[in-house]
């Protein structure tokens, strides 16, 4: 039963990362630094969860959800810096 609830929690957090990534891509956020710090914190949580699952003797399938969440958080952080790509294209 614990694995089911953990997987539901991870699926909801991954969905939140997808929403944050879309909001960063559309630049609809008023407090960009606050939301970026939230995404970074959630990404660190996903990495710590993945490490704890990797250390446990039988690696459960929820490990994959932790890895997907960490990857989504990393991508959302990249989308939170919208001016980096524009500076390069404006100089060309």
N, C-alpha and C. Protein backbone atom coordinates (compact mmCIF):
# COMPACT_ATOMS: atom_id res chain seq x y z
N UNK A 1 0.82 -1.19 0.00
CA UNK A 1 0.00 0.00 0.00
C UNK A 1 0.87 1.26 0.00
N UNK A 2 2.03 1.20 0.68
CA UNK A 2 2.91 2.36 0.70
C UNK A 2 3.44 2.70 -0.68
N UNK A 3 3.72 1.68 -1.47
CA UNK A 3 4.26 1.91 -2.81
C UNK A 3 3.21 2.57 -3.69
N UNK A 4 1.96 2.20 -3.51
CA UNK A 4 0.89 2.80 -4.32
C UNK A 4 0.76 4.28 -4.01
N UNK A 5 0.74 4.63 -2.73
CA UNK A 5 0.62 6.04 -2.36
C UNK A 5 1.86 6.84 -2.75
N UNK A 6 3.02 6.22 -2.65
CA UNK A 6 4.25 6.89 -3.07
C UNK A 6 4.24 7.14 -4.58
N UNK A 7 3.75 6.18 -5.33
CA UNK A 7 3.69 6.37 -6.78
C UNK A 7 2.67 7.42 -7.18
N UNK A 8 1.55 7.50 -6.47
CA UNK A 8 0.56 8.55 -6.72
C UNK A 8 1.16 9.91 -6.41
N UNK A 9 1.88 10.01 -5.29
CA UNK A 9 2.53 11.27 -4.92
C UNK A 9 3.53 11.68 -5.99
N UNK A 10 4.34 10.74 -6.45
CA UNK A 10 5.36 11.05 -7.45
C UNK A 10 4.73 11.44 -8.79
N UNK A 11 3.63 10.80 -9.14
CA UNK A 11 2.95 11.15 -10.39
C UNK A 11 2.39 12.57 -10.31
N UNK A 12 1.85 12.95 -9.16
CA UNK A 12 1.33 14.31 -8.98
C UNK A 12 2.47 15.34 -9.00
N UNK A 13 3.59 15.03 -8.38
CA UNK A 13 4.73 15.95 -8.40
C UNK A 13 5.32 16.07 -9.80
N UNK A 14 5.34 14.98 -10.55
CA UNK A 14 5.82 15.05 -11.95
C UNK A 14 4.86 15.89 -12.79
N UNK A 15 3.56 15.76 -12.54
CA UNK A 15 2.60 16.59 -13.26
C UNK A 15 2.79 18.06 -12.91
N UNK A 16 3.12 18.36 -11.65
CA UNK A 16 3.39 19.74 -11.25
C UNK A 16 4.64 20.27 -11.95
N UNK A 17 5.63 19.42 -12.15
CA UNK A 17 6.83 19.84 -12.87
C UNK A 17 6.51 20.16 -14.33
N UNK A 18 5.64 19.38 -14.94
CA UNK A 18 5.25 19.63 -16.33
C UNK A 18 4.51 20.97 -16.41
N UNK A 19 3.63 21.26 -15.46
CA UNK A 19 2.91 22.53 -15.45
C UNK A 19 3.87 23.69 -15.27
N UNK A 20 4.82 23.55 -14.35
CA UNK A 20 5.81 24.62 -14.14
C UNK A 20 6.66 24.82 -15.39
N UNK A 21 7.02 23.74 -16.06
CA UNK A 21 7.81 23.84 -17.27
C UNK A 21 7.03 24.60 -18.35
N UNK A 22 5.75 24.31 -18.50
CA UNK A 22 4.93 25.02 -19.48
C UNK A 22 4.78 26.50 -19.11
N UNK A 23 4.63 26.79 -17.82
CA UNK A 23 4.51 28.18 -17.40
C UNK A 23 5.82 28.93 -17.61
N UNK A 24 6.95 28.28 -17.37
CA UNK A 24 8.23 28.92 -17.64
C UNK A 24 8.40 29.17 -19.13
N UNK A 25 7.97 28.22 -19.96
CA UNK A 25 8.12 28.37 -21.41
C UNK A 25 7.26 29.51 -21.94
N UNK A 26 6.09 29.72 -21.34
CA UNK A 26 5.20 30.80 -21.78
C UNK A 26 5.47 32.12 -21.07
N UNK A 27 6.38 32.12 -20.12
CA UNK A 27 6.76 33.31 -19.34
C UNK A 27 5.55 33.96 -18.68
N UNK A 28 4.73 33.16 -18.03
CA UNK A 28 3.54 33.67 -17.36
C UNK A 28 3.73 33.87 -15.86
N UNK A 29 4.93 33.83 -15.38
CA UNK A 29 5.17 33.90 -13.95
C UNK A 29 5.56 35.32 -13.53
N UNK A 30 4.96 35.77 -12.44
CA UNK A 30 5.30 37.10 -11.93
C UNK A 30 6.53 37.03 -11.03
N UNK A 31 6.68 35.98 -10.27
CA UNK A 31 7.80 35.83 -9.34
C UNK A 31 8.71 34.72 -9.84
N UNK A 32 9.52 35.04 -10.83
CA UNK A 32 10.35 34.05 -11.50
C UNK A 32 11.39 33.44 -10.55
N UNK A 33 12.03 34.26 -9.72
CA UNK A 33 13.07 33.75 -8.83
C UNK A 33 12.49 32.82 -7.77
N UNK A 34 11.32 33.15 -7.25
CA UNK A 34 10.67 32.30 -6.25
C UNK A 34 10.30 30.95 -6.85
N UNK A 35 9.69 30.99 -8.03
CA UNK A 35 9.30 29.74 -8.67
C UNK A 35 10.51 28.91 -9.11
N UNK A 36 11.57 29.57 -9.51
CA UNK A 36 12.80 28.86 -9.87
C UNK A 36 13.37 28.15 -8.63
N UNK A 37 13.36 28.82 -7.49
CA UNK A 37 13.87 28.20 -6.26
C UNK A 37 12.99 27.03 -5.83
N UNK A 38 11.69 27.12 -6.05
CA UNK A 38 10.79 26.01 -5.73
C UNK A 38 11.11 24.81 -6.61
N UNK A 39 11.32 25.05 -7.89
CA UNK A 39 11.63 23.95 -8.82
C UNK A 39 12.97 23.32 -8.48
N UNK A 40 13.96 24.14 -8.12
CA UNK A 40 15.27 23.60 -7.73
C UNK A 40 15.14 22.75 -6.47
N UNK A 41 14.37 23.23 -5.50
CA UNK A 41 14.16 22.47 -4.26
C UNK A 41 13.47 21.14 -4.54
N UNK A 42 12.46 21.15 -5.39
CA UNK A 42 11.78 19.90 -5.74
C UNK A 42 12.72 18.97 -6.49
N UNK A 43 13.57 19.52 -7.34
CA UNK A 43 14.54 18.69 -8.06
C UNK A 43 15.53 18.02 -7.13
N UNK A 44 15.98 18.77 -6.12
CA UNK A 44 16.88 18.18 -5.12
C UNK A 44 16.16 17.06 -4.36
N UNK A 45 14.89 17.28 -4.07
CA UNK A 45 14.10 16.24 -3.40
C UNK A 45 13.97 14.99 -4.26
N UNK A 46 13.76 15.16 -5.56
CA UNK A 46 13.71 14.01 -6.46
C UNK A 46 15.03 13.27 -6.49
N UNK A 47 16.14 13.98 -6.52
CA UNK A 47 17.46 13.34 -6.55
C UNK A 47 17.72 12.59 -5.25
N UNK A 48 17.40 13.21 -4.12
CA UNK A 48 17.59 12.53 -2.83
C UNK A 48 16.72 11.28 -2.74
N UNK A 49 15.48 11.37 -3.23
CA UNK A 49 14.60 10.20 -3.25
C UNK A 49 15.15 9.10 -4.14
N UNK A 50 15.70 9.47 -5.30
CA UNK A 50 16.28 8.47 -6.20
C UNK A 50 17.48 7.80 -5.57
N UNK A 51 18.32 8.59 -4.89
CA UNK A 51 19.49 8.01 -4.23
C UNK A 51 19.06 7.06 -3.11
N UNK A 52 18.04 7.45 -2.36
CA UNK A 52 17.58 6.57 -1.27
C UNK A 52 16.98 5.28 -1.81
N UNK A 53 16.31 5.35 -2.95
CA UNK A 53 15.77 4.12 -3.56
C UNK A 53 16.89 3.27 -4.16
N UNK A 54 17.94 3.91 -4.68
CA UNK A 54 19.05 3.15 -5.26
C UNK A 54 19.86 2.44 -4.18
N UNK A 55 19.94 3.04 -2.98
CA UNK A 55 20.70 2.43 -1.90
C UNK A 55 19.97 1.22 -1.31
N UNK A 56 18.64 1.26 -1.31
CA UNK A 56 17.89 0.15 -0.73
C UNK A 56 18.16 -1.13 -1.53
N UNK A 57 18.12 -2.25 -0.84
CA UNK A 57 18.51 -3.52 -1.45
C UNK A 57 17.65 -3.89 -2.67
N UNK A 58 16.33 -4.05 -2.52
CA UNK A 58 15.55 -4.29 -3.74
C UNK A 58 15.09 -2.95 -4.31
N UNK A 59 15.61 -2.57 -5.44
CA UNK A 59 15.23 -1.30 -6.05
C UNK A 59 13.81 -1.44 -6.60
N UNK A 60 12.94 -0.58 -6.10
CA UNK A 60 11.54 -0.65 -6.51
C UNK A 60 11.34 0.15 -7.79
N UNK A 61 10.21 -0.05 -8.43
CA UNK A 61 9.94 0.62 -9.70
C UNK A 61 9.64 2.09 -9.50
N UNK A 62 9.43 2.54 -8.26
CA UNK A 62 9.22 3.97 -8.03
C UNK A 62 10.52 4.76 -8.26
N UNK A 63 11.64 4.07 -8.31
CA UNK A 63 12.91 4.71 -8.63
C UNK A 63 12.82 5.43 -9.98
N UNK A 64 12.14 4.82 -10.93
CA UNK A 64 11.99 5.42 -12.25
C UNK A 64 11.22 6.74 -12.17
N UNK A 65 10.20 6.79 -11.32
CA UNK A 65 9.43 8.03 -11.17
C UNK A 65 10.28 9.13 -10.54
N UNK A 66 11.17 8.77 -9.62
CA UNK A 66 12.08 9.76 -9.06
C UNK A 66 13.03 10.30 -10.13
N UNK A 67 13.53 9.44 -10.98
CA UNK A 67 14.44 9.87 -12.05
C UNK A 67 13.70 10.76 -13.04
N UNK A 68 12.48 10.40 -13.41
CA UNK A 68 11.69 11.22 -14.33
C UNK A 68 11.42 12.59 -13.71
N UNK A 69 11.10 12.62 -12.41
CA UNK A 69 10.86 13.89 -11.73
C UNK A 69 12.10 14.76 -11.70
N UNK A 70 13.25 14.16 -11.46
CA UNK A 70 14.50 14.93 -11.45
C UNK A 70 14.80 15.49 -12.83
N UNK A 71 14.55 14.71 -13.86
CA UNK A 71 14.77 15.17 -15.23
C UNK A 71 13.82 16.31 -15.58
N UNK A 72 12.56 16.20 -15.17
CA UNK A 72 11.58 17.26 -15.44
C UNK A 72 11.95 18.54 -14.68
N UNK A 73 12.43 18.39 -13.44
CA UNK A 73 12.84 19.58 -12.68
C UNK A 73 14.04 20.25 -13.34
N UNK A 74 14.98 19.46 -13.83
CA UNK A 74 16.14 20.02 -14.52
C UNK A 74 15.70 20.78 -15.77
N UNK A 75 14.79 20.21 -16.53
CA UNK A 75 14.29 20.87 -17.73
C UNK A 75 13.53 22.14 -17.39
N UNK A 76 12.76 22.11 -16.30
CA UNK A 76 12.02 23.31 -15.89
C UNK A 76 12.98 24.42 -15.46
N UNK A 77 14.06 24.06 -14.80
CA UNK A 77 15.06 25.08 -14.43
C UNK A 77 15.68 25.68 -15.68
N UNK A 78 15.94 24.88 -16.69
CA UNK A 78 16.49 25.41 -17.93
C UNK A 78 15.50 26.37 -18.60
N UNK A 79 14.22 26.04 -18.56
CA UNK A 79 13.21 26.92 -19.13
C UNK A 79 13.01 28.19 -18.32
N UNK A 80 13.48 28.21 -17.08
CA UNK A 80 13.29 29.40 -16.25
C UNK A 80 14.27 30.51 -16.58
N UNK A 81 15.23 30.25 -17.45
CA UNK A 81 16.17 31.26 -17.91
C UNK A 81 15.86 31.58 -19.38
N UNK A 82 14.83 32.38 -19.66
CA UNK A 82 14.41 32.58 -21.05
C UNK A 82 15.33 33.50 -21.85
N UNK A 83 16.09 34.34 -21.19
CA UNK A 83 16.90 35.32 -21.91
C UNK A 83 18.21 34.76 -22.46
N UNK A 84 18.61 33.58 -22.04
CA UNK A 84 19.89 33.03 -22.47
C UNK A 84 19.87 32.73 -23.96
N UNK A 85 18.85 32.09 -24.46
CA UNK A 85 18.77 31.78 -25.87
C UNK A 85 18.52 33.00 -26.74
N UNK A 86 17.82 33.98 -26.21
CA UNK A 86 17.51 35.17 -26.99
C UNK A 86 18.73 36.06 -27.20
N UNK A 87 19.63 36.11 -26.23
CA UNK A 87 20.82 36.92 -26.39
C UNK A 87 21.69 36.43 -27.52
N UNK A 88 21.75 35.13 -27.68
CA UNK A 88 22.56 34.56 -28.75
C UNK A 88 21.92 34.86 -30.10
N UNK A 89 20.60 34.70 -30.20
CA UNK A 89 19.94 34.91 -31.49
C UNK A 89 19.89 36.38 -31.87
N UNK A 90 19.88 37.30 -30.92
CA UNK A 90 19.86 38.73 -31.23
C UNK A 90 21.22 39.21 -31.73
N UNK A 91 22.30 38.58 -31.29
CA UNK A 91 23.63 39.00 -31.70
C UNK A 91 23.97 38.52 -33.11
N UNK A 92 23.29 37.54 -33.62
CA UNK A 92 23.61 36.99 -34.94
C UNK A 92 23.08 37.84 -36.05
